[in-house]
Amino acid sequence: MPIAKALRRALLEHRVALGKVAPGAFPVVSKIGSVLVYLFENGKKGGDVHGFGDAVFFTLVQLLTVSSSLKNPVTAAGKVVHVVLEAWAIFIVTAVAGSFASFFTSGDSS
C-alpha cells in the first residue's frame, strides 16, 4: 500500500502543478505561435495571413477552437506550426478535463 499512497500523492501534486503551469504557458505559446505564423505565412499567395494581427488571430483561433473557417497554412513550416498549435490545444484540453475528473472522482486525503 505505500506505493499506492506515493503514487496518489504524486498524481495530486502533478494536478496542482498543471494548474499552475498551463495558464502561464498559454500566453507564451500564443506569442511564439503568432510570431512563427507571421514569419512563415505573411503575404504568401493563397494564404489568409496579411499582417501580424492576422497571425495573432489565426494562432488564437487554433488554440481556442476545434475548427475554423480560416484557410490552412500554405507553407510547409506554417503547416508544422499549425499541427504543433493543435497538438498543444488538445493536450491542454485533455489535461484540464483529466484534472476535473481526478478532482471529482477522488477525495482529497489531507
PDB file of N, CA and C in Angstrom:
ATOM      1  N   MET A   1       0.795  -1.204   0.000  1.00  0.00           N
ATOM      2  CA  MET A   1       0.000   0.000   0.000  1.00  0.00           C
ATOM      3  C   MET A   1       0.844   1.278   0.000  1.00  0.00           C
ATOM      4  N   PRO A   2       2.072   1.288   0.520  1.00  0.00           N
ATOM      5  CA  PRO A   2       2.843   2.537   0.495  1.00  0.00           C
ATOM      6  C   PRO A   2       3.085   3.035  -0.938  1.00  0.00           C
ATOM      7  N   ILE A   3       3.214   2.121  -1.883  1.00  0.00           N
ATOM      8  CA  ILE A   3       3.434   2.529  -3.277  1.00  0.00           C
ATOM      9  C   ILE A   3       2.190   3.228  -3.812  1.00  0.00           C
ATOM     10  N   ALA A   4       1.013   2.711  -3.491  1.00  0.00           N
ATOM     11  CA  ALA A   4      -0.231   3.323  -3.951  1.00  0.00           C
ATOM     12  C   ALA A   4      -0.399   4.722  -3.368  1.00  0.00           C
ATOM     13  N   LYS A   5      -0.046   4.897  -2.092  1.00  0.00           N
ATOM     14  CA  LYS A   5      -0.149   6.224  -1.476  1.00  0.00           C
ATOM     15  C   LYS A   5       0.839   7.198  -2.108  1.00  0.00           C
ATOM     16  N   ALA A   6       2.036   6.727  -2.381  1.00  0.00           N
ATOM     17  CA  ALA A   6       3.040   7.584  -3.011  1.00  0.00           C
ATOM     18  C   ALA A   6       2.613   7.978  -4.418  1.00  0.00           C
ATOM     19  N   LEU A   7       2.034   7.037  -5.148  1.00  0.00           N
ATOM     20  CA  LEU A   7       1.565   7.320  -6.500  1.00  0.00           C
ATOM     21  C   LEU A   7       0.421   8.324  -6.457  1.00  0.00           C
ATOM     22  N   ARG A   8      -0.497   8.131  -5.525  1.00  0.00           N
ATOM     23  CA  ARG A   8      -1.628   9.054  -5.390  1.00  0.00           C
ATOM     24  C   ARG A   8      -1.129  10.460  -5.052  1.00  0.00           C
ATOM     25  N   ARG A   9      -0.173  10.565  -4.149  1.00  0.00           N
ATOM     26  CA  ARG A   9       0.382  11.867  -3.770  1.00  0.00           C
ATOM     27  C   ARG A   9       1.058  12.532  -4.974  1.00  0.00           C
ATOM     28  N   ALA A  10       1.798  11.747  -5.755  1.00  0.00           N
ATOM     29  CA  ALA A  10       2.470  12.287  -6.939  1.00  0.00           C
ATOM     30  C   ALA A  10       1.455  12.791  -7.962  1.00  0.00           C
ATOM     31  N   LEU A  11       0.365  12.040  -8.156  1.00  0.00           N
ATOM     32  CA  LEU A  11      -0.659  12.473  -9.099  1.00  0.00           C
ATOM     33  C   LEU A  11      -1.349  13.749  -8.631  1.00  0.00           C
ATOM     34  N   LEU A  12      -1.612  13.858  -7.349  1.00  0.00           N
ATOM     35  CA  LEU A  12      -2.236  15.077  -6.825  1.00  0.00           C
ATOM     36  C   LEU A  12      -1.302  16.275  -6.977  1.00  0.00           C
ATOM     37  N   GLU A  13      -0.011  16.069  -6.736  1.00  0.00           N
ATOM     38  CA  GLU A  13       0.951  17.148  -6.915  1.00  0.00           C
ATOM     39  C   GLU A  13       1.041  17.543  -8.379  1.00  0.00           C
ATOM     40  N   HIS A  14       0.973  16.552  -9.285  1.00  0.00           N
ATOM     41  CA  HIS A  14       1.010  16.833 -10.717  1.00  0.00           C
ATOM     42  C   HIS A  14      -0.199  17.677 -11.124  1.00  0.00           C
ATOM     43  N   ARG A  15      -1.366  17.359 -10.589  1.00  0.00           N
ATOM     44  CA  ARG A  15      -2.571  18.119 -10.893  1.00  0.00           C
ATOM     45  C   ARG A  15      -2.409  19.568 -10.462  1.00  0.00           C
ATOM     46  N   VAL A  16      -1.823  19.787  -9.286  1.00  0.00           N
ATOM     47  CA  VAL A  16      -1.601  21.140  -8.802  1.00  0.00           C
ATOM     48  C   VAL A  16      -0.592  21.860  -9.688  1.00  0.00           C
ATOM     49  N   ALA A  17       0.479  21.173 -10.069  1.00  0.00           N
ATOM     50  CA  ALA A  17       1.498  21.780 -10.936  1.00  0.00           C
ATOM     51  C   ALA A  17       0.915  22.140 -12.293  1.00  0.00           C
ATOM     52  N   LEU A  18       0.095  21.276 -12.861  1.00  0.00           N
ATOM     53  CA  LEU A  18      -0.524  21.550 -14.160  1.00  0.00           C
ATOM     54  C   LEU A  18      -1.414  22.780 -14.069  1.00  0.00           C
ATOM     55  N   GLY A  19      -2.133  22.908 -12.983  1.00  0.00           N
ATOM     56  CA  GLY A  19      -2.997  24.071 -12.791  1.00  0.00           C
ATOM     57  C   GLY A  19      -2.218  25.368 -12.696  1.00  0.00           C
ATOM     58  N   LYS A  20      -0.964  25.301 -12.282  1.00  0.00           N
ATOM     59  CA  LYS A  20      -0.123  26.491 -12.199  1.00  0.00           C
ATOM     60  C   LYS A  20       0.618  26.768 -13.507  1.00  0.00           C
ATOM     61  N   VAL A  21       1.007  25.726 -14.218  1.00  0.00           N
ATOM     62  CA  VAL A  21       1.818  25.881 -15.422  1.00  0.00           C
ATOM     63  C   VAL A  21       0.980  26.218 -16.644  1.00  0.00           C
ATOM     64  N   ALA A  22      -0.125  25.537 -16.844  1.00  0.00           N
ATOM     65  CA  ALA A  22      -0.922  25.696 -18.070  1.00  0.00           C
ATOM     66  C   ALA A  22      -1.381  27.139 -18.307  1.00  0.00           C
ATOM     67  N   PRO A  23      -1.939  27.836 -17.301  1.00  0.00           N
ATOM     68  CA  PRO A  23      -2.353  29.220 -17.570  1.00  0.00           C
ATOM     69  C   PRO A  23      -1.176  30.139 -17.913  1.00  0.00           C
ATOM     70  N   GLY A  24      -0.038  29.900 -17.320  1.00  0.00           N
ATOM     71  CA  GLY A  24       1.138  30.716 -17.625  1.00  0.00           C
ATOM     72  C   GLY A  24       1.754  30.395 -18.962  1.00  0.00           C
ATOM     73  N   ALA A  25       1.583  29.160 -19.412  1.00  0.00           N
ATOM     74  CA  ALA A  25       2.162  28.750 -20.688  1.00  0.00           C
ATOM     75  C   ALA A  25       1.338  29.244 -21.872  1.00  0.00           C
ATOM     76  N   PHE A  26       0.047  29.476 -21.681  1.00  0.00           N
ATOM     77  CA  PHE A  26      -0.807  29.889 -22.802  1.00  0.00           C
ATOM     78  C   PHE A  26      -0.327  31.178 -23.461  1.00  0.00           C
ATOM     79  N   PRO A  27      -0.029  32.252 -22.697  1.00  0.00           N
ATOM     80  CA  PRO A  27       0.456  33.468 -23.359  1.00  0.00           C
ATOM     81  C   PRO A  27       1.784  33.261 -24.092  1.00  0.00           C
ATOM     82  N   VAL A  28       2.640  32.446 -23.518  1.00  0.00           N
ATOM     83  CA  VAL A  28       3.936  32.185 -24.158  1.00  0.00           C
ATOM     84  C   VAL A  28       3.743  31.437 -25.470  1.00  0.00           C
ATOM     85  N   VAL A  29       2.939  30.389 -25.443  1.00  0.00           N
ATOM     86  CA  VAL A  29       2.686  29.601 -26.651  1.00  0.00           C
ATOM     87  C   VAL A  29       1.986  30.454 -27.708  1.00  0.00           C
ATOM     88  N   SER A  30       1.026  31.272 -27.293  1.00  0.00           N
ATOM     89  CA  SER A  30       0.303  32.088 -28.275  1.00  0.00           C
ATOM     90  C   SER A  30       1.211  33.151 -28.891  1.00  0.00           C
ATOM     91  N   LYS A  31       2.112  33.735 -28.115  1.00  0.00           N
ATOM     92  CA  LYS A  31       3.039  34.734 -28.668  1.00  0.00           C
ATOM     93  C   LYS A  31       4.031  34.095 -29.633  1.00  0.00           C
ATOM     94  N   ILE A  32       4.621  32.989 -29.216  1.00  0.00           N
ATOM     95  CA  ILE A  32       5.578  32.304 -30.086  1.00  0.00           C
ATOM     96  C   ILE A  32       4.884  31.814 -31.356  1.00  0.00           C
ATOM     97  N   GLY A  33       3.706  31.235 -31.205  1.00  0.00           N
ATOM     98  CA  GLY A  33       2.948  30.768 -32.367  1.00  0.00           C
ATOM     99  C   GLY A  33       2.605  31.900 -33.317  1.00  0.00           C
ATOM    100  N   SER A  34       2.194  33.046 -32.769  1.00  0.00           N
ATOM    101  CA  SER A  34       1.848  34.196 -33.604  1.00  0.00           C
ATOM    102  C   SER A  34       3.047  34.691 -34.400  1.00  0.00           C
ATOM    103  N   VAL A  35       4.194  34.787 -33.750  1.00  0.00           N
ATOM    104  CA  VAL A  35       5.405  35.241 -34.446  1.00  0.00           C
ATOM    105  C   VAL A  35       5.796  34.258 -35.543  1.00  0.00           C
ATOM    106  N   LEU A  36       5.737  32.961 -35.233  1.00  0.00           N
ATOM    107  CA  LEU A  36       6.095  31.963 -36.239  1.00  0.00           C
ATOM    108  C   LEU A  36       5.130  31.960 -37.419  1.00  0.00           C
ATOM    109  N   VAL A  37       3.844  32.052 -37.137  1.00  0.00           N
ATOM    110  CA  VAL A  37       2.854  32.099 -38.220  1.00  0.00           C
ATOM    111  C   VAL A  37       3.094  33.342 -39.072  1.00  0.00           C
ATOM    112  N   TYR A  38       3.369  34.464 -38.438  1.00  0.00           N
ATOM    113  CA  TYR A  38       3.640  35.697 -39.184  1.00  0.00           C
ATOM    114  C   TYR A  38       4.878  35.534 -40.072  1.00  0.00           C
ATOM    115  N   LEU A  39       5.946  34.990 -39.510  1.00  0.00           N
ATOM    116  CA  LEU A  39       7.179  34.830 -40.287  1.00  0.00           C
ATOM    117  C   LEU A  39       7.004  33.886 -41.471  1.00  0.00           C
ATOM    118  N   PHE A  40       6.267  32.797 -41.271  1.00  0.00           N
ATOM    119  CA  PHE A  40       6.146  31.781 -42.309  1.00  0.00           C
ATOM    120  C   PHE A  40       5.019  32.050 -43.306  1.00  0.00           C
ATOM    121  N   GLU A  41       3.952  32.717 -42.876  1.00  0.00           N
ATOM    122  CA  GLU A  41       2.755  32.811 -43.708  1.00  0.00           C
ATOM    123  C   GLU A  41       2.430  34.218 -44.221  1.00  0.00           C
ATOM    124  N   ASN A  42       3.067  35.239 -43.696  1.00  0.00           N
ATOM    125  CA  ASN A  42       2.724  36.606 -44.065  1.00  0.00           C
ATOM    126  C   ASN A  42       2.924  36.854 -45.565  1.00  0.00           C
ATOM    127  N   GLY A  43       1.841  37.243 -46.219  1.00  0.00           N
ATOM    128  CA  GLY A  43       1.906  37.628 -47.620  1.00  0.00           C
ATOM    129  C   GLY A  43       2.057  36.494 -48.619  1.00  0.00           C
ATOM    130  N   LYS A  44       1.945  35.268 -48.179  1.00  0.00           N
ATOM    131  CA  LYS A  44       2.069  34.138 -49.110  1.00  0.00           C
ATOM    132  C   LYS A  44       0.811  34.028 -49.960  1.00  0.00           C
ATOM    133  N   LYS A  45       0.995  33.725 -51.213  1.00  0.00           N
ATOM    134  CA  LYS A  45      -0.125  33.612 -52.153  1.00  0.00           C
ATOM    135  C   LYS A  45      -1.051  32.465 -51.724  1.00  0.00           C
ATOM    136  N   GLY A  46      -2.325  32.760 -51.636  1.00  0.00           N
ATOM    137  CA  GLY A  46      -3.320  31.759 -51.254  1.00  0.00           C
ATOM    138  C   GLY A  46      -3.541  31.658 -49.755  1.00  0.00           C
ATOM    139  N   GLY A  47      -2.824  32.442 -48.966  1.00  0.00           N
ATOM    140  CA  GLY A  47      -2.967  32.387 -47.516  1.00  0.00           C
ATOM    141  C   GLY A  47      -3.856  33.493 -46.972  1.00  0.00           C
ATOM    142  N   ASP A  48      -4.231  33.368 -45.713  1.00  0.00           N
ATOM    143  CA  ASP A  48      -5.087  34.361 -45.056  1.00  0.00           C
ATOM    144  C   ASP A  48      -4.317  35.317 -44.158  1.00  0.00           C
ATOM    145  N   VAL A  49      -3.033  35.134 -43.998  1.00  0.00           N
ATOM    146  CA  VAL A  49      -2.251  35.976 -43.088  1.00  0.00           C
ATOM    147  C   VAL A  49      -1.622  37.118 -43.890  1.00  0.00           C
ATOM    148  N   HIS A  50      -2.119  38.349 -43.635  1.00  0.00           N
ATOM    149  CA  HIS A  50      -1.628  39.519 -44.363  1.00  0.00           C
ATOM    150  C   HIS A  50      -0.999  40.545 -43.430  1.00  0.00           C
ATOM    151  N   GLY A  51      -0.805  40.196 -42.183  1.00  0.00           N
ATOM    152  CA  GLY A  51      -0.194  41.088 -41.203  1.00  0.00           C
ATOM    153  C   GLY A  51      -0.087  40.378 -39.866  1.00  0.00           C
ATOM    154  N   PHE A  52       0.525  41.062 -38.885  1.00  0.00           N
ATOM    155  CA  PHE A  52       0.712  40.429 -37.583  1.00  0.00           C
ATOM    156  C   PHE A  52      -0.619  40.193 -36.877  1.00  0.00           C
ATOM    157  N   GLY A  53      -1.575  41.089 -37.065  1.00  0.00           N
ATOM    158  CA  GLY A  53      -2.898  40.890 -36.462  1.00  0.00           C
ATOM    159  C   GLY A  53      -3.567  39.623 -36.965  1.00  0.00           C
ATOM    160  N   ASP A  54      -3.418  39.358 -38.241  1.00  0.00           N
ATOM    161  CA  ASP A  54      -3.969  38.111 -38.794  1.00  0.00           C
ATOM    162  C   ASP A  54      -3.270  36.893 -38.202  1.00  0.00           C
ATOM    163  N   ALA A  55      -1.957  37.006 -37.980  1.00  0.00           N
ATOM    164  CA  ALA A  55      -1.205  35.890 -37.397  1.00  0.00           C
ATOM    165  C   ALA A  55      -1.658  35.625 -35.963  1.00  0.00           C
ATOM    166  N   VAL A  56      -1.872  36.688 -35.196  1.00  0.00           N
ATOM    167  CA  VAL A  56      -2.357  36.532 -33.820  1.00  0.00           C
ATOM    168  C   VAL A  56      -3.751  35.914 -33.833  1.00  0.00           C
ATOM    169  N   PHE A  57      -4.617  36.409 -34.717  1.00  0.00           N
ATOM    170  CA  PHE A  57      -5.974  35.870 -34.815  1.00  0.00           C
ATOM    171  C   PHE A  57      -5.941  34.389 -35.190  1.00  0.00           C
ATOM    172  N   PHE A  58      -5.145  34.027 -36.184  1.00  0.00           N
ATOM    173  CA  PHE A  58      -5.039  32.641 -36.608  1.00  0.00           C
ATOM    174  C   PHE A  58      -4.574  31.760 -35.441  1.00  0.00           C
ATOM    175  N   THR A  59      -3.541  32.208 -34.729  1.00  0.00           N
ATOM    176  CA  THR A  59      -2.998  31.422 -33.618  1.00  0.00           C
ATOM    177  C   THR A  59      -4.033  31.239 -32.515  1.00  0.00           C
ATOM    178  N   LEU A  60      -4.699  32.312 -32.126  1.00  0.00           N
ATOM    179  CA  LEU A  60      -5.694  32.207 -31.051  1.00  0.00           C
ATOM    180  C   LEU A  60      -6.875  31.331 -31.463  1.00  0.00           C
ATOM    181  N   VAL A  61      -7.294  31.442 -32.707  1.00  0.00           N
ATOM    182  CA  VAL A  61      -8.394  30.592 -33.176  1.00  0.00           C
ATOM    183  C   VAL A  61      -7.982  29.126 -33.123  1.00  0.00           C
ATOM    184  N   GLN A  62      -6.763  28.825 -33.516  1.00  0.00           N
ATOM    185  CA  GLN A  62      -6.306  27.436 -33.493  1.00  0.00           C
ATOM    186  C   GLN A  62      -6.173  26.913 -32.061  1.00  0.00           C
ATOM    187  N   LEU A  63      -5.787  27.774 -31.134  1.00  0.00           N
ATOM    188  CA  LEU A  63      -5.630  27.343 -29.750  1.00  0.00           C
ATOM    189  C   LEU A  63      -6.961  27.234 -29.006  1.00  0.00           C
ATOM    190  N   LEU A  64      -7.951  28.007 -29.409  1.00  0.00           N
ATOM    191  CA  LEU A  64      -9.189  28.082 -28.635  1.00  0.00           C
ATOM    192  C   LEU A  64     -10.384  27.366 -29.257  1.00  0.00           C
ATOM    193  N   THR A  65     -10.267  26.902 -30.489  1.00  0.00           N
ATOM    194  CA  THR A  65     -11.393  26.236 -31.132  1.00  0.00           C
ATOM    195  C   THR A  65     -10.956  24.911 -31.728  1.00  0.00           C
ATOM    196  N   VAL A  66     -11.932  24.110 -32.057  1.00  0.00           N
ATOM    197  CA  VAL A  66     -11.652  22.823 -32.685  1.00  0.00           C
ATOM    198  C   VAL A  66     -11.443  22.997 -34.179  1.00  0.00           C
ATOM    199  N   SER A  67     -12.215  23.869 -34.780  1.00  0.00           N
ATOM    200  CA  SER A  67     -12.149  24.070 -36.221  1.00  0.00           C
ATOM    201  C   SER A  67     -12.509  25.508 -36.520  1.00  0.00           C
ATOM    202  N   SER A  68     -12.094  25.977 -37.664  1.00  0.00           N
ATOM    203  CA  SER A  68     -12.423  27.337 -38.045  1.00  0.00           C
ATOM    204  C   SER A  68     -12.588  27.413 -39.552  1.00  0.00           C
ATOM    205  N   SER A  69     -13.048  28.573 -40.010  1.00  0.00           N
ATOM    206  CA  SER A  69     -13.236  28.765 -41.446  1.00  0.00           C
ATOM    207  C   SER A  69     -11.998  29.380 -42.097  1.00  0.00           C
ATOM    208  N   LEU A  70     -10.930  29.533 -41.325  1.00  0.00           N
ATOM    209  CA  LEU A  70      -9.697  30.081 -41.887  1.00  0.00           C
ATOM    210  C   LEU A  70      -9.048  29.064 -42.815  1.00  0.00           C
ATOM    211  N   LYS A  71      -8.361  29.574 -43.820  1.00  0.00           N
ATOM    212  CA  LYS A  71      -7.623  28.683 -44.709  1.00  0.00           C
ATOM    213  C   LYS A  71      -6.453  28.079 -43.949  1.00  0.00           C
ATOM    214  N   ASN A  72      -6.094  26.883 -44.336  1.00  0.00           N
ATOM    215  CA  ASN A  72      -4.931  26.238 -43.744  1.00  0.00           C
ATOM    216  C   ASN A  72      -3.667  26.946 -44.212  1.00  0.00           C
ATOM    217  N   PRO A  73      -2.575  26.828 -43.459  1.00  0.00           N
ATOM    218  CA  PRO A  73      -1.317  27.429 -43.897  1.00  0.00           C
ATOM    219  C   PRO A  73      -0.889  26.884 -45.259  1.00  0.00           C
ATOM    220  N   VAL A  74      -0.167  27.699 -46.001  1.00  0.00           N
ATOM    221  CA  VAL A  74       0.243  27.301 -47.346  1.00  0.00           C
ATOM    222  C   VAL A  74       1.703  26.857 -47.413  1.00  0.00           C
ATOM    223  N   THR A  75       2.513  27.217 -46.416  1.00  0.00           N
ATOM    224  CA  THR A  75       3.918  26.799 -46.419  1.00  0.00           C
ATOM    225  C   THR A  75       4.087  25.564 -45.544  1.00  0.00           C
ATOM    226  N   ALA A  76       5.136  24.822 -45.814  1.00  0.00           N
ATOM    227  CA  ALA A  76       5.414  23.620 -45.013  1.00  0.00           C
ATOM    228  C   ALA A  76       5.683  23.990 -43.553  1.00  0.00           C
ATOM    229  N   ALA A  77       6.457  25.042 -43.331  1.00  0.00           N
ATOM    230  CA  ALA A  77       6.755  25.467 -41.961  1.00  0.00           C
ATOM    231  C   ALA A  77       5.488  25.932 -41.252  1.00  0.00           C
ATOM    232  N   GLY A  78       4.612  26.623 -41.967  1.00  0.00           N
ATOM    233  CA  GLY A  78       3.345  27.055 -41.385  1.00  0.00           C
ATOM    234  C   GLY A  78       2.469  25.884 -41.003  1.00  0.00           C
ATOM    235  N   LYS A  79       2.501  24.840 -41.812  1.00  0.00           N
ATOM    236  CA  LYS A  79       1.726  23.632 -41.502  1.00  0.00           C
ATOM    237  C   LYS A  79       2.256  22.944 -40.250  1.00  0.00           C
ATOM    238  N   VAL A  80       3.576  22.932 -40.093  1.00  0.00           N
ATOM    239  CA  VAL A  80       4.175  22.339 -38.887  1.00  0.00           C
ATOM    240  C   VAL A  80       3.742  23.128 -37.653  1.00  0.00           C
ATOM    241  N   VAL A  81       3.799  24.464 -37.737  1.00  0.00           N
ATOM    242  CA  VAL A  81       3.360  25.304 -36.615  1.00  0.00           C
ATOM    243  C   VAL A  81       1.886  25.044 -36.311  1.00  0.00           C
ATOM    244  N   HIS A  82       1.081  24.926 -37.342  1.00  0.00           N
ATOM    245  CA  HIS A  82      -0.344  24.653 -37.172  1.00  0.00           C
ATOM    246  C   HIS A  82      -0.568  23.338 -36.424  1.00  0.00           C
ATOM    247  N   VAL A  83       0.134  22.292 -36.814  1.00  0.00           N
ATOM    248  CA  VAL A  83      -0.016  20.985 -36.157  1.00  0.00           C
ATOM    249  C   VAL A  83       0.433  21.066 -34.697  1.00  0.00           C
ATOM    250  N   VAL A  84       1.524  21.768 -34.435  1.00  0.00           N
ATOM    251  CA  VAL A  84       2.009  21.909 -33.053  1.00  0.00           C
ATOM    252  C   VAL A  84       0.991  22.682 -32.210  1.00  0.00           C
ATOM    253  N   LEU A  85       0.423  23.738 -32.767  1.00  0.00           N
ATOM    254  CA  LEU A  85      -0.600  24.501 -32.034  1.00  0.00           C
ATOM    255  C   LEU A  85      -1.819  23.637 -31.726  1.00  0.00           C
ATOM    256  N   GLU A  86      -2.251  22.857 -32.692  1.00  0.00           N
ATOM    257  CA  GLU A  86      -3.401  21.970 -32.472  1.00  0.00           C
ATOM    258  C   GLU A  86      -3.073  20.906 -31.418  1.00  0.00           C
ATOM    259  N   ALA A  87      -1.877  20.336 -31.486  1.00  0.00           N
ATOM    260  CA  ALA A  87      -1.477  19.324 -30.501  1.00  0.00           C
ATOM    261  C   ALA A  87      -1.432  19.937 -29.105  1.00  0.00           C
ATOM    262  N   TRP A  88      -0.905  21.160 -28.994  1.00  0.00           N
ATOM    263  CA  TRP A  88      -0.853  21.848 -27.700  1.00  0.00           C
ATOM    264  C   TRP A  88      -2.268  22.078 -27.168  1.00  0.00           C
ATOM    265  N   ALA A  89      -3.168  22.517 -28.024  1.00  0.00           N
ATOM    266  CA  ALA A  89      -4.550  22.767 -27.596  1.00  0.00           C
ATOM    267  C   ALA A  89      -5.207  21.478 -27.121  1.00  0.00           C
ATOM    268  N   ILE A  90      -4.997  20.395 -27.850  1.00  0.00           N
ATOM    269  CA  ILE A  90      -5.570  19.105 -27.448  1.00  0.00           C
ATOM    270  C   ILE A  90      -4.990  18.661 -26.113  1.00  0.00           C
ATOM    271  N   PHE A  91      -3.680  18.844 -25.931  1.00  0.00           N
ATOM    272  CA  PHE A  91      -3.040  18.477 -24.667  1.00  0.00           C
ATOM    273  C   PHE A  91      -3.645  19.253 -23.504  1.00  0.00           C
ATOM    274  N   ILE A  92      -3.806  20.540 -23.662  1.00  0.00           N
ATOM    275  CA  ILE A  92      -4.341  21.370 -22.575  1.00  0.00           C
ATOM    276  C   ILE A  92      -5.784  20.987 -22.262  1.00  0.00           C
ATOM    277  N   VAL A  93      -6.594  20.801 -23.291  1.00  0.00           N
ATOM    278  CA  VAL A  93      -7.999  20.436 -23.060  1.00  0.00           C
ATOM    279  C   VAL A  93      -8.093  19.099 -22.331  1.00  0.00           C
ATOM    280  N   THR A  94      -7.306  18.108 -22.765  1.00  0.00           N
ATOM    281  CA  THR A  94      -7.372  16.802 -22.100  1.00  0.00           C
ATOM    282  C   THR A  94      -6.793  16.861 -20.691  1.00  0.00           C
ATOM    283  N   ALA A  95      -5.768  17.673 -20.485  1.00  0.00           N
ATOM    284  CA  ALA A  95      -5.194  17.804 -19.141  1.00  0.00           C
ATOM    285  C   ALA A  95      -6.183  18.454 -18.182  1.00  0.00           C
ATOM    286  N   VAL A  96      -6.862  19.477 -18.649  1.00  0.00           N
ATOM    287  CA  VAL A  96      -7.861  20.140 -17.804  1.00  0.00           C
ATOM    288  C   VAL A  96      -9.020  19.185 -17.516  1.00  0.00           C
ATOM    289  N   ALA A  97      -9.469  18.475 -18.533  1.00  0.00           N
ATOM    290  CA  ALA A  97     -10.552  17.504 -18.321  1.00  0.00           C
ATOM    291  C   ALA A  97     -10.116  16.418 -17.340  1.00  0.00           C
ATOM    292  N   GLY A  98      -8.893  15.954 -17.473  1.00  0.00           N
ATOM    293  CA  GLY A  98      -8.373  14.949 -16.547  1.00  0.00           C
ATOM    294  C   GLY A  98      -8.273  15.475 -15.126  1.00  0.00           C
ATOM    295  N   SER A  99      -7.884  16.738 -14.992  1.00  0.00           N
ATOM    296  CA  SER A  99      -7.814  17.340 -13.654  1.00  0.00           C
ATOM    297  C   SER A  99      -9.190  17.414 -13.010  1.00  0.00           C
ATOM    298  N   PHE A 100     -10.186  17.817 -13.803  1.00  0.00           N
ATOM    299  CA  PHE A 100     -11.550  17.857 -13.268  1.00  0.00           C
ATOM    300  C   PHE A 100     -12.022  16.457 -12.882  1.00  0.00           C
ATOM    301  N   ALA A 101     -11.767  15.497 -13.733  1.00  0.00           N
ATOM    302  CA  ALA A 101     -12.194  14.119 -13.436  1.00  0.00           C
ATOM    303  C   ALA A 101     -11.504  13.606 -12.194  1.00  0.00           C
ATOM    304  N   SER A 102     -10.227  13.871 -12.061  1.00  0.00           N
ATOM    305  CA  SER A 102      -9.479  13.433 -10.892  1.00  0.00           C
ATOM    306  C   SER A 102     -10.013  14.106  -9.625  1.00  0.00           C
ATOM    307  N   PHE A 103     -10.336  15.375  -9.725  1.00  0.00           N
ATOM    308  CA  PHE A 103     -10.845  16.098  -8.574  1.00  0.00           C
ATOM    309  C   PHE A 103     -12.183  15.541  -8.106  1.00  0.00           C
ATOM    310  N   PHE A 104     -13.067  15.241  -9.048  1.00  0.00           N
ATOM    311  CA  PHE A 104     -14.399  14.801  -8.684  1.00  0.00           C
ATOM    312  C   PHE A 104     -14.482  13.312  -8.329  1.00  0.00           C
ATOM    313  N   THR A 105     -13.519  12.511  -8.795  1.00  0.00           N
ATOM    314  CA  THR A 105     -13.593  11.068  -8.514  1.00  0.00           C
ATOM    315  C   THR A 105     -12.799  10.656  -7.291  1.00  0.00           C
ATOM    316  N   SER A 106     -11.832  11.468  -6.879  1.00  0.00           N
ATOM    317  CA  SER A 106     -11.036  11.093  -5.705  1.00  0.00           C
ATOM    318  C   SER A 106     -11.053  12.241  -4.705  1.00  0.00           C
ATOM    319  N   GLY A 107     -11.396  11.925  -3.498  1.00  0.00           N
ATOM    320  CA  GLY A 107     -11.411  12.938  -2.458  1.00  0.00           C
ATOM    321  C   GLY A 107      -9.994  13.271  -2.036  1.00  0.00           C
ATOM    322  N   ASP A 108      -9.811  14.472  -1.558  1.00  0.00           N
ATOM    323  CA  ASP A 108      -8.508  14.906  -1.093  1.00  0.00           C
ATOM    324  C   ASP A 108      -8.290  14.350   0.300  1.00  0.00           C
ATOM    325  N   SER A 109      -7.229  13.587   0.491  1.00  0.00           N
ATOM    326  CA  SER A 109      -6.992  12.907   1.766  1.00  0.00           C
ATOM    327  C   SER A 109      -6.404  13.801   2.837  1.00  0.00           C
ATOM    328  N   SER A 110      -6.022  15.012   2.487  1.00  0.00           N
ATOM    329  CA  SER A 110      -5.400  15.871   3.506  1.00  0.00           C
ATOM    330  C   SER A 110      -6.414  16.708   4.249  1.00  0.00           C
TER     331      SER A 110
END
